[in-house]
Amino acid sequence: MKKAIILINAFTQSEGELNQPKRMKEELAKLGVEAHIMRNSPAALEAEADFCIFLDKDKYAARAIEKRMRLFNRAEAIETCDDKMLTFLALDCVPQPETISSRLCYSADAPVDGQFLDEAESRLGYPMVVKENHGSLGRQVYLARDRAELCSLATRLQYVPHLYQKFIAESSGRDVRVICVGGEAVACMKRENERDFRSNLSAGGRGEPFPVDGEIRRLASLVSTCLKLDYCGIDLLLSHDGYLVCEVNSNAFFGGIENVTGINVAASYACYILNEIR
């Protein structure tokens, strides 16, 4: 019997976050795999198994475990997807909203660079999306509606890696979430939020099934290949010119999309993993 580790963040508590490892354990058991859910810890990093499903974002732990066993996703892919600017740069072959990276600041009490904000205003306009490079569930995503709000955010994030992105007005509060396994789109839903520009279900959005068309299949394959992903969630904005890749999540929760579409994402991922390790 094959053995697996399902590694989760050391501080995970919510049922929504714990659903993912529980579902993967269930589906792996049906395939004859003994899976153990473990929190990120020194003991977990030393555990023996045939493979590890890595549901954390700790790049150091990922690198350590990958020295001993196959990781799903691979450490490099997790690291790239956890940094929104690295993701943007890696996906220069796909349509994305125009994006400008902040400059890193190391000087104490440095003033915000007004000339830089002038350029951001000129290129991106208002409202403008501002994102911390590291963040989950839409919590580190903000909207600057004018120069005062932009300056306030720039000051607040002066020492935090972040980016500035063009706001796609026609997609405000709505997007398409695509779950990909092995480079194939296996489930898709449209998310809408009438009260917030962020469509995340965790931010109050609601989902409904959405057809997987040829362009979604093409983007799913291209993004997965570019980022070397076994599994991911891709968020597509609905612009007047077609889909724009907004973000890619290597540990995208699938509980919501399973409930909305009735598709067993966990089973698809489990089958893919076993085929890979064979």
C-alpha atoms as a PDB file:
ATOM      1  CA  MET A   1       0.000   0.000   0.000  1.00  0.00           C
ATOM      2  CA  LYS A   2       1.312   3.421  -0.922  1.00  0.00           C
ATOM      3  CA  LYS A   3       1.577   6.084   1.757  1.00  0.00           C
ATOM      4  CA  ALA A   4       1.062   9.822   1.467  1.00  0.00           C
ATOM      5  CA  ILE A   5       1.448  12.926   3.562  1.00  0.00           C
ATOM      6  CA  ILE A   6      -1.097  15.705   3.203  1.00  0.00           C
ATOM      7  CA  LEU A   7       0.712  18.665   4.714  1.00  0.00           C
ATOM      8  CA  ILE A   8      -1.306  21.655   5.914  1.00  0.00           C
ATOM      9  CA  ASN A   9      -0.390  24.975   7.473  1.00  0.00           C
ATOM     10  CA  ALA A  10       0.576  24.812  11.140  1.00  0.00           C
ATOM     11  CA  PHE A  11      -2.163  27.299  12.102  1.00  0.00           C
ATOM     12  CA  THR A  12      -5.082  26.131   9.942  1.00  0.00           C
ATOM     13  CA  GLN A  13      -8.315  26.090  11.944  1.00  0.00           C
ATOM     14  CA  SER A  14     -11.384  26.817   9.787  1.00  0.00           C
ATOM     15  CA  GLU A  15     -13.580  24.046   8.459  1.00  0.00           C
ATOM     16  CA  GLY A  16     -13.301  25.511   4.969  1.00  0.00           C
ATOM     17  CA  GLU A  17      -9.527  25.079   4.994  1.00  0.00           C
ATOM     18  CA  LEU A  18      -9.680  21.631   6.627  1.00  0.00           C
ATOM     19  CA  ASN A  19     -12.151  20.364   4.020  1.00  0.00           C
ATOM     20  CA  GLN A  20      -9.414  20.167   1.371  1.00  0.00           C
ATOM     21  CA  PRO A  21      -7.113  17.680   3.157  1.00  0.00           C
ATOM     22  CA  LYS A  22     -10.072  15.622   4.415  1.00  0.00           C
ATOM     23  CA  ARG A  23     -11.495  15.272   0.899  1.00  0.00           C
ATOM     24  CA  MET A  24      -8.102  14.310  -0.531  1.00  0.00           C
ATOM     25  CA  LYS A  25      -7.636  11.693   2.192  1.00  0.00           C
ATOM     26  CA  GLU A  26     -11.070  10.219   1.392  1.00  0.00           C
ATOM     27  CA  GLU A  27     -10.416   9.938  -2.333  1.00  0.00           C
ATOM     28  CA  LEU A  28      -6.892   8.557  -1.886  1.00  0.00           C
ATOM     29  CA  ALA A  29      -8.252   5.887   0.468  1.00  0.00           C
ATOM     30  CA  LYS A  30     -10.642   4.738  -2.283  1.00  0.00           C
ATOM     31  CA  LEU A  31      -7.548   4.189  -4.455  1.00  0.00           C
ATOM     32  CA  GLY A  32      -5.731   2.199  -1.786  1.00  0.00           C
ATOM     33  CA  VAL A  33      -3.470   4.976  -0.509  1.00  0.00           C
ATOM     34  CA  GLU A  34      -2.921   5.459   3.225  1.00  0.00           C
ATOM     35  CA  ALA A  35      -2.783   9.230   3.686  1.00  0.00           C
ATOM     36  CA  HIS A  36      -1.923  11.099   6.875  1.00  0.00           C
ATOM     37  CA  ILE A  37      -2.882  14.735   7.410  1.00  0.00           C
ATOM     38  CA  MET A  38      -0.016  16.501   9.161  1.00  0.00           C
ATOM     39  CA  ARG A  39       0.538  20.085  10.218  1.00  0.00           C
ATOM     40  CA  ASN A  40       3.759  21.740   9.118  1.00  0.00           C
ATOM     41  CA  SER A  41       6.265  20.823  11.853  1.00  0.00           C
ATOM     42  CA  PRO A  42       9.770  19.357  12.231  1.00  0.00           C
ATOM     43  CA  ALA A  43       8.187  15.895  12.590  1.00  0.00           C
ATOM     44  CA  ALA A  44       6.234  16.341   9.355  1.00  0.00           C
ATOM     45  CA  LEU A  45       9.375  17.330   7.493  1.00  0.00           C
ATOM     46  CA  GLU A  46      11.018  14.069   8.554  1.00  0.00           C
ATOM     47  CA  ALA A  47       8.044  11.747   7.921  1.00  0.00           C
ATOM     48  CA  GLU A  48       8.383   8.983   5.348  1.00  0.00           C
ATOM     49  CA  ALA A  49       5.921   8.509   2.492  1.00  0.00           C
ATOM     50  CA  ASP A  50       5.726   7.863  -1.230  1.00  0.00           C
ATOM     51  CA  PHE A  51       4.551  11.404  -1.970  1.00  0.00           C
ATOM     52  CA  CYS A  52       3.289  14.588  -0.344  1.00  0.00           C
ATOM     53  CA  ILE A  53       0.298  16.769  -1.208  1.00  0.00           C
ATOM     54  CA  PHE A  54       1.552  20.149  -0.056  1.00  0.00           C
ATOM     55  CA  LEU A  55      -1.316  22.418   1.045  1.00  0.00           C
ATOM     56  CA  ASP A  56       0.864  25.054   2.700  1.00  0.00           C
ATOM     57  CA  LYS A  57       2.793  27.981   1.196  1.00  0.00           C
ATOM     58  CA  ASP A  58       5.989  27.517   3.218  1.00  0.00           C
ATOM     59  CA  LYS A  59       8.621  27.491   0.476  1.00  0.00           C
ATOM     60  CA  TYR A  60      11.340  26.332   2.865  1.00  0.00           C
ATOM     61  CA  ALA A  61       9.341  23.302   4.027  1.00  0.00           C
ATOM     62  CA  ALA A  62       8.438  22.523   0.415  1.00  0.00           C
ATOM     63  CA  ARG A  63      12.111  22.505  -0.617  1.00  0.00           C
ATOM     64  CA  ALA A  64      13.035  20.303   2.350  1.00  0.00           C
ATOM     65  CA  ILE A  65      10.348  17.693   1.683  1.00  0.00           C
ATOM     66  CA  GLU A  66      11.007  17.664  -2.059  1.00  0.00           C
ATOM     67  CA  LYS A  67      14.534  16.422  -1.415  1.00  0.00           C
ATOM     68  CA  ARG A  68      13.000  13.140  -0.203  1.00  0.00           C
ATOM     69  CA  MET A  69       9.779  12.611  -2.158  1.00  0.00           C
ATOM     70  CA  ARG A  70       7.569  13.821  -4.987  1.00  0.00           C
ATOM     71  CA  LEU A  71       5.646  16.946  -4.067  1.00  0.00           C
ATOM     72  CA  PHE A  72       2.259  17.968  -5.464  1.00  0.00           C
ATOM     73  CA  ASN A  73       2.631  20.794  -6.440  1.00  0.00           C
ATOM     74  CA  ARG A  74       6.376  21.069  -6.863  1.00  0.00           C
ATOM     75  CA  ALA A  75       8.216  23.558  -4.640  1.00  0.00           C
ATOM     76  CA  GLU A  76       9.126  25.874  -7.528  1.00  0.00           C
ATOM     77  CA  ALA A  77       5.503  26.112  -8.657  1.00  0.00           C
ATOM     78  CA  ILE A  78       4.258  26.835  -5.135  1.00  0.00           C
ATOM     79  CA  GLU A  79       6.871  29.559  -4.692  1.00  0.00           C
ATOM     80  CA  THR A  80       5.991  31.264  -7.985  1.00  0.00           C
ATOM     81  CA  CYS A  81       2.237  31.181  -7.389  1.00  0.00           C
ATOM     82  CA  ASP A  82       2.578  32.516  -3.853  1.00  0.00           C
ATOM     83  CA  ASP A  83       4.097  35.720  -5.253  1.00  0.00           C
ATOM     84  CA  LYS A  84       1.624  37.570  -7.472  1.00  0.00           C
ATOM     85  CA  MET A  85       4.347  39.542  -9.240  1.00  0.00           C
ATOM     86  CA  LEU A  86       6.400  36.412  -9.982  1.00  0.00           C
ATOM     87  CA  THR A  87       3.227  34.846 -11.368  1.00  0.00           C
ATOM     88  CA  PHE A  88       2.617  37.851 -13.611  1.00  0.00           C
ATOM     89  CA  LEU A  89       6.178  37.765 -14.947  1.00  0.00           C
ATOM     90  CA  ALA A  90       6.072  34.005 -15.579  1.00  0.00           C
ATOM     91  CA  LEU A  91       2.845  34.372 -17.584  1.00  0.00           C
ATOM     92  CA  ASP A  92       3.988  36.940 -20.124  1.00  0.00           C
ATOM     93  CA  CYS A  93       2.592  34.641 -22.832  1.00  0.00           C
ATOM     94  CA  VAL A  94      -1.053  34.982 -21.693  1.00  0.00           C
ATOM     95  CA  PRO A  95      -3.417  37.992 -21.597  1.00  0.00           C
ATOM     96  CA  GLN A  96      -3.321  39.762 -18.204  1.00  0.00           C
ATOM     97  CA  PRO A  97      -4.320  43.179 -16.840  1.00  0.00           C
ATOM     98  CA  GLU A  98      -1.549  45.774 -17.156  1.00  0.00           C
ATOM     99  CA  THR A  99       0.562  45.575 -13.996  1.00  0.00           C
ATOM    100  CA  ILE A 100       3.328  47.657 -12.417  1.00  0.00           C
ATOM    101  CA  SER A 101       5.554  46.341  -9.637  1.00  0.00           C
ATOM    102  CA  SER A 102       6.314  48.454  -6.590  1.00  0.00           C
ATOM    103  CA  ARG A 103       9.965  49.185  -5.897  1.00  0.00           C
ATOM    104  CA  LEU A 104      11.448  47.632  -2.765  1.00  0.00           C
ATOM    105  CA  CYS A 105      12.206  50.164  -0.049  1.00  0.00           C
ATOM    106  CA  TYR A 106      14.803  49.589   2.663  1.00  0.00           C
ATOM    107  CA  SER A 107      15.339  53.141   3.935  1.00  0.00           C
ATOM    108  CA  ALA A 108      13.700  54.131   7.207  1.00  0.00           C
ATOM    109  CA  ASP A 109      11.028  56.855   6.953  1.00  0.00           C
ATOM    110  CA  ALA A 110      11.454  57.175   3.176  1.00  0.00           C
ATOM    111  CA  PRO A 111       8.726  59.340   1.567  1.00  0.00           C
ATOM    112  CA  VAL A 112       6.442  57.882  -1.074  1.00  0.00           C
ATOM    113  CA  ASP A 113       7.764  58.612  -4.564  1.00  0.00           C
ATOM    114  CA  GLY A 114       5.283  61.015  -6.145  1.00  0.00           C
ATOM    115  CA  GLN A 115       6.830  60.595  -9.599  1.00  0.00           C
ATOM    116  CA  PHE A 116       6.250  56.840  -9.429  1.00  0.00           C
ATOM    117  CA  LEU A 117       2.604  57.395  -8.475  1.00  0.00           C
ATOM    118  CA  ASP A 118       2.286  59.866 -11.370  1.00  0.00           C
ATOM    119  CA  GLU A 119       3.381  57.134 -13.760  1.00  0.00           C
ATOM    120  CA  ALA A 120       1.032  54.592 -12.212  1.00  0.00           C
ATOM    121  CA  GLU A 121      -1.871  57.061 -12.536  1.00  0.00           C
ATOM    122  CA  SER A 122      -1.007  57.818 -16.154  1.00  0.00           C
ATOM    123  CA  ARG A 123      -0.781  54.175 -17.182  1.00  0.00           C
ATOM    124  CA  LEU A 124      -3.476  52.536 -15.062  1.00  0.00           C
ATOM    125  CA  GLY A 125      -5.994  55.265 -14.226  1.00  0.00           C
ATOM    126  CA  TYR A 126      -8.646  55.117 -11.489  1.00  0.00           C
ATOM    127  CA  PRO A 127      -9.937  53.133  -9.816  1.00  0.00           C
ATOM    128  CA  MET A 128      -6.694  51.166  -9.503  1.00  0.00           C
ATOM    129  CA  VAL A 129      -6.191  47.729  -7.962  1.00  0.00           C
ATOM    130  CA  VAL A 130      -3.379  47.460  -5.418  1.00  0.00           C
ATOM    131  CA  LYS A 131      -2.260  44.014  -4.263  1.00  0.00           C
ATOM    132  CA  GLU A 132       0.246  42.750  -1.780  1.00  0.00           C
ATOM    133  CA  ASN A 133       2.401  40.170  -3.549  1.00  0.00           C
ATOM    134  CA  HIS A 134       1.594  37.601  -0.864  1.00  0.00           C
ATOM    135  CA  GLY A 135      -1.994  37.071   0.186  1.00  0.00           C
ATOM    136  CA  SER A 136      -4.988  34.738   0.149  1.00  0.00           C
ATOM    137  CA  LEU A 137      -8.776  34.873  -0.146  1.00  0.00           C
ATOM    138  CA  GLY A 138      -8.733  38.455  -1.408  1.00  0.00           C
ATOM    139  CA  ARG A 139      -7.679  39.814   1.993  1.00  0.00           C
ATOM    140  CA  GLN A 140      -4.613  41.691   0.708  1.00  0.00           C
ATOM    141  CA  VAL A 141      -6.304  43.229  -2.350  1.00  0.00           C
ATOM    142  CA  TYR A 142      -7.365  46.900  -2.274  1.00  0.00           C
ATOM    143  CA  LEU A 143      -8.968  49.486  -4.539  1.00  0.00           C
ATOM    144  CA  ALA A 144      -7.612  53.033  -4.843  1.00  0.00           C
ATOM    145  CA  ARG A 145     -10.337  55.335  -6.182  1.00  0.00           C
ATOM    146  CA  ASP A 146      -8.264  58.509  -6.333  1.00  0.00           C
ATOM    147  CA  ARG A 147      -4.818  59.968  -5.661  1.00  0.00           C
ATOM    148  CA  ALA A 148      -5.449  60.318  -1.923  1.00  0.00           C
ATOM    149  CA  GLU A 149      -6.337  56.625  -1.550  1.00  0.00           C
ATOM    150  CA  LEU A 150      -3.425  55.600  -3.768  1.00  0.00           C
ATOM    151  CA  CYS A 151      -0.984  57.648  -1.689  1.00  0.00           C
ATOM    152  CA  SER A 152      -2.428  56.198   1.527  1.00  0.00           C
ATOM    153  CA  LEU A 153      -1.997  52.622   0.264  1.00  0.00           C
ATOM    154  CA  ALA A 154       1.488  53.320  -1.084  1.00  0.00           C
ATOM    155  CA  THR A 155       2.491  54.704   2.318  1.00  0.00           C
ATOM    156  CA  ARG A 156       0.953  51.788   4.170  1.00  0.00           C
ATOM    157  CA  LEU A 157       2.663  49.227   1.909  1.00  0.00           C
ATOM    158  CA  GLN A 158       5.987  51.068   1.561  1.00  0.00           C
ATOM    159  CA  TYR A 159       7.963  48.172   3.050  1.00  0.00           C
ATOM    160  CA  VAL A 160       5.712  45.366   1.746  1.00  0.00           C
ATOM    161  CA  PRO A 161       6.236  43.887  -1.757  1.00  0.00           C
ATOM    162  CA  HIS A 162       3.149  44.855  -3.750  1.00  0.00           C
ATOM    163  CA  LEU A 163       1.889  45.720  -7.212  1.00  0.00           C
ATOM    164  CA  TYR A 164      -0.461  48.103  -9.017  1.00  0.00           C
ATOM    165  CA  GLN A 165      -2.910  46.750 -11.578  1.00  0.00           C
ATOM    166  CA  LYS A 166      -5.399  48.126 -14.094  1.00  0.00           C
ATOM    167  CA  PHE A 167      -8.993  47.821 -12.902  1.00  0.00           C
ATOM    168  CA  ILE A 168     -11.193  45.929 -15.379  1.00  0.00           C
ATOM    169  CA  ALA A 169     -14.480  47.735 -14.769  1.00  0.00           C
ATOM    170  CA  GLU A 170     -16.674  45.337 -16.743  1.00  0.00           C
ATOM    171  CA  SER A 171     -15.485  42.466 -14.534  1.00  0.00           C
ATOM    172  CA  SER A 172     -15.916  44.265 -11.201  1.00  0.00           C
ATOM    173  CA  GLY A 173     -17.267  41.804  -8.651  1.00  0.00           C
ATOM    174  CA  ARG A 174     -17.298  38.912 -11.102  1.00  0.00           C
ATOM    175  CA  ASP A 175     -14.828  36.459 -12.574  1.00  0.00           C
ATOM    176  CA  VAL A 176     -14.453  32.831 -13.609  1.00  0.00           C
ATOM    177  CA  ARG A 177     -12.654  30.350 -11.366  1.00  0.00           C
ATOM    178  CA  VAL A 178     -11.186  27.371 -13.229  1.00  0.00           C
ATOM    179  CA  ILE A 179      -9.802  24.327 -11.415  1.00  0.00           C
ATOM    180  CA  CYS A 180      -7.094  22.532 -13.380  1.00  0.00           C
ATOM    181  CA  VAL A 181      -5.624  19.082 -12.841  1.00  0.00           C
ATOM    182  CA  GLY A 182      -2.701  17.964 -14.953  1.00  0.00           C
ATOM    183  CA  GLY A 183      -3.101  20.957 -17.241  1.00  0.00           C
ATOM    184  CA  GLU A 184      -6.778  20.252 -17.942  1.00  0.00           C
ATOM    185  CA  ALA A 185      -9.764  22.330 -16.830  1.00  0.00           C
ATOM    186  CA  VAL A 186     -11.890  19.917 -14.773  1.00  0.00           C
ATOM    187  CA  ALA A 187     -14.362  22.338 -13.157  1.00  0.00           C
ATOM    188  CA  CYS A 188     -15.438  25.912 -13.767  1.00  0.00           C
ATOM    189  CA  MET A 189     -17.714  28.395 -12.062  1.00  0.00           C
ATOM    190  CA  LYS A 190     -18.639  32.041 -12.430  1.00  0.00           C
ATOM    191  CA  ARG A 191     -18.345  34.037  -9.210  1.00  0.00           C
ATOM    192  CA  GLU A 192     -20.311  37.222  -8.555  1.00  0.00           C
ATOM    193  CA  ASN A 193     -20.328  39.640  -5.650  1.00  0.00           C
ATOM    194  CA  GLU A 194     -22.767  42.543  -5.726  1.00  0.00           C
ATOM    195  CA  ARG A 195     -21.240  44.265  -2.688  1.00  0.00           C
ATOM    196  CA  ASP A 196     -17.502  44.119  -3.401  1.00  0.00           C
ATOM    197  CA  PHE A 197     -15.160  44.391  -6.389  1.00  0.00           C
ATOM    198  CA  ARG A 198     -13.595  41.107  -5.229  1.00  0.00           C
ATOM    199  CA  SER A 199     -15.554  38.034  -6.300  1.00  0.00           C
ATOM    200  CA  ASN A 200     -14.128  35.555  -3.750  1.00  0.00           C
ATOM    201  CA  LEU A 201     -16.732  33.312  -2.121  1.00  0.00           C
ATOM    202  CA  SER A 202     -15.023  34.044   1.201  1.00  0.00           C
ATOM    203  CA  ALA A 203     -15.705  37.762   0.608  1.00  0.00           C
ATOM    204  CA  GLY A 204     -19.430  37.170   0.079  1.00  0.00           C
ATOM    205  CA  GLY A 205     -19.452  36.117  -3.566  1.00  0.00           C
ATOM    206  CA  ARG A 206     -21.734  33.403  -4.937  1.00  0.00           C
ATOM    207  CA  GLY A 207     -20.949  30.831  -7.580  1.00  0.00           C
ATOM    208  CA  GLU A 208     -22.770  29.200 -10.464  1.00  0.00           C
ATOM    209  CA  PRO A 209     -21.645  26.594 -13.017  1.00  0.00           C
ATOM    210  CA  PHE A 210     -19.876  28.002 -16.073  1.00  0.00           C
ATOM    211  CA  PRO A 211     -19.181  26.126 -19.344  1.00  0.00           C
ATOM    212  CA  VAL A 212     -15.580  25.154 -20.111  1.00  0.00           C
ATOM    213  CA  ASP A 213     -15.075  26.508 -23.614  1.00  0.00           C
ATOM    214  CA  GLY A 214     -12.107  26.091 -25.936  1.00  0.00           C
ATOM    215  CA  GLU A 215     -10.373  29.282 -24.788  1.00  0.00           C
ATOM    216  CA  ILE A 216     -10.621  28.275 -21.131  1.00  0.00           C
ATOM    217  CA  ARG A 217      -9.127  24.884 -21.995  1.00  0.00           C
ATOM    218  CA  ARG A 218      -6.288  26.570 -23.876  1.00  0.00           C
ATOM    219  CA  LEU A 219      -5.515  28.975 -21.041  1.00  0.00           C
ATOM    220  CA  ALA A 220      -5.695  26.200 -18.449  1.00  0.00           C
ATOM    221  CA  SER A 221      -3.126  24.157 -20.341  1.00  0.00           C
ATOM    222  CA  LEU A 222      -0.856  27.122 -21.065  1.00  0.00           C
ATOM    223  CA  VAL A 223      -0.868  28.477 -17.504  1.00  0.00           C
ATOM    224  CA  SER A 224      -0.314  25.039 -15.963  1.00  0.00           C
ATOM    225  CA  THR A 225       2.573  24.356 -18.323  1.00  0.00           C
ATOM    226  CA  CYS A 226       4.248  27.743 -17.818  1.00  0.00           C
ATOM    227  CA  LEU A 227       4.085  27.459 -14.039  1.00  0.00           C
ATOM    228  CA  LYS A 228       4.790  23.680 -13.937  1.00  0.00           C
ATOM    229  CA  LEU A 229       1.626  23.020 -11.952  1.00  0.00           C
ATOM    230  CA  ASP A 230      -0.023  19.675 -11.259  1.00  0.00           C
ATOM    231  CA  TYR A 231      -3.052  21.385  -9.741  1.00  0.00           C
ATOM    232  CA  CYS A 232      -4.255  24.973  -9.557  1.00  0.00           C
ATOM    233  CA  GLY A 233      -7.124  27.410  -9.559  1.00  0.00           C
ATOM    234  CA  ILE A 234      -7.038  30.127 -12.234  1.00  0.00           C
ATOM    235  CA  ASP A 235      -9.070  33.314 -11.881  1.00  0.00           C
ATOM    236  CA  LEU A 236     -10.151  34.832 -15.192  1.00  0.00           C
ATOM    237  CA  LEU A 237     -11.489  38.359 -15.523  1.00  0.00           C
ATOM    238  CA  LEU A 238     -14.237  38.955 -18.088  1.00  0.00           C
ATOM    239  CA  SER A 239     -12.969  41.872 -20.175  1.00  0.00           C
ATOM    240  CA  HIS A 240     -14.458  43.305 -23.373  1.00  0.00           C
ATOM    241  CA  ASP A 241     -11.506  41.731 -25.212  1.00  0.00           C
ATOM    242  CA  GLY A 242     -11.913  38.263 -23.702  1.00  0.00           C
ATOM    243  CA  TYR A 243     -10.542  36.434 -20.685  1.00  0.00           C
ATOM    244  CA  LEU A 244      -7.665  37.966 -18.717  1.00  0.00           C
ATOM    245  CA  VAL A 245      -5.682  35.837 -16.276  1.00  0.00           C
ATOM    246  CA  CYS A 246      -5.910  37.649 -12.956  1.00  0.00           C
ATOM    247  CA  GLU A 247      -4.341  35.224 -10.457  1.00  0.00           C
ATOM    248  CA  VAL A 248      -3.225  31.605 -10.139  1.00  0.00           C
ATOM    249  CA  ASN A 249      -3.507  29.719  -6.852  1.00  0.00           C
ATOM    250  CA  SER A 250      -1.481  26.531  -6.441  1.00  0.00           C
ATOM    251  CA  ASN A 251      -3.562  25.523  -3.390  1.00  0.00           C
ATOM    252  CA  ALA A 252      -6.983  26.693  -4.560  1.00  0.00           C
ATOM    253  CA  PHE A 253      -9.819  25.471  -2.338  1.00  0.00           C
ATOM    254  CA  PHE A 254     -12.170  23.187  -4.278  1.00  0.00           C
ATOM    255  CA  GLY A 255     -14.990  22.740  -1.738  1.00  0.00           C
ATOM    256  CA  GLY A 256     -16.997  25.613  -3.167  1.00  0.00           C
ATOM    257  CA  ILE A 257     -16.651  24.585  -6.783  1.00  0.00           C
ATOM    258  CA  GLU A 258     -17.480  20.944  -5.941  1.00  0.00           C
ATOM    259  CA  ASN A 259     -20.709  22.124  -4.278  1.00  0.00           C
ATOM    260  CA  VAL A 260     -21.602  24.475  -7.147  1.00  0.00           C
ATOM    261  CA  THR A 261     -20.826  22.136 -10.061  1.00  0.00           C
ATOM    262  CA  GLY A 262     -21.234  18.670  -8.530  1.00  0.00           C
ATOM    263  CA  ILE A 263     -17.834  17.701  -9.991  1.00  0.00           C
ATOM    264  CA  ASN A 264     -15.582  15.551  -7.803  1.00  0.00           C
ATOM    265  CA  VAL A 265     -12.369  17.570  -8.045  1.00  0.00           C
ATOM    266  CA  ALA A 266     -10.668  15.625  -5.256  1.00  0.00           C
ATOM    267  CA  ALA A 267     -11.146  12.346  -7.138  1.00  0.00           C
ATOM    268  CA  SER A 268      -9.667  13.817 -10.322  1.00  0.00           C
ATOM    269  CA  TYR A 269      -6.624  15.096  -8.438  1.00  0.00           C
ATOM    270  CA  ALA A 270      -6.124  11.817  -6.562  1.00  0.00           C
ATOM    271  CA  CYS A 271      -6.258   9.780  -9.787  1.00  0.00           C
ATOM    272  CA  TYR A 272      -3.825  12.146 -11.479  1.00  0.00           C
ATOM    273  CA  ILE A 273      -1.346  11.862  -8.599  1.00  0.00           C
ATOM    274  CA  LEU A 274      -1.349   8.068  -8.665  1.00  0.00           C
ATOM    275  CA  ASN A 275      -0.814   8.019 -12.412  1.00  0.00           C
ATOM    276  CA  GLU A 276       2.117  10.423 -11.978  1.00  0.00           C
ATOM    277  CA  ILE A 277       3.929   8.443  -9.293  1.00  0.00           C
ATOM    278  CA  ARG A 278       3.517   5.183 -11.227  1.00  0.00           C
END
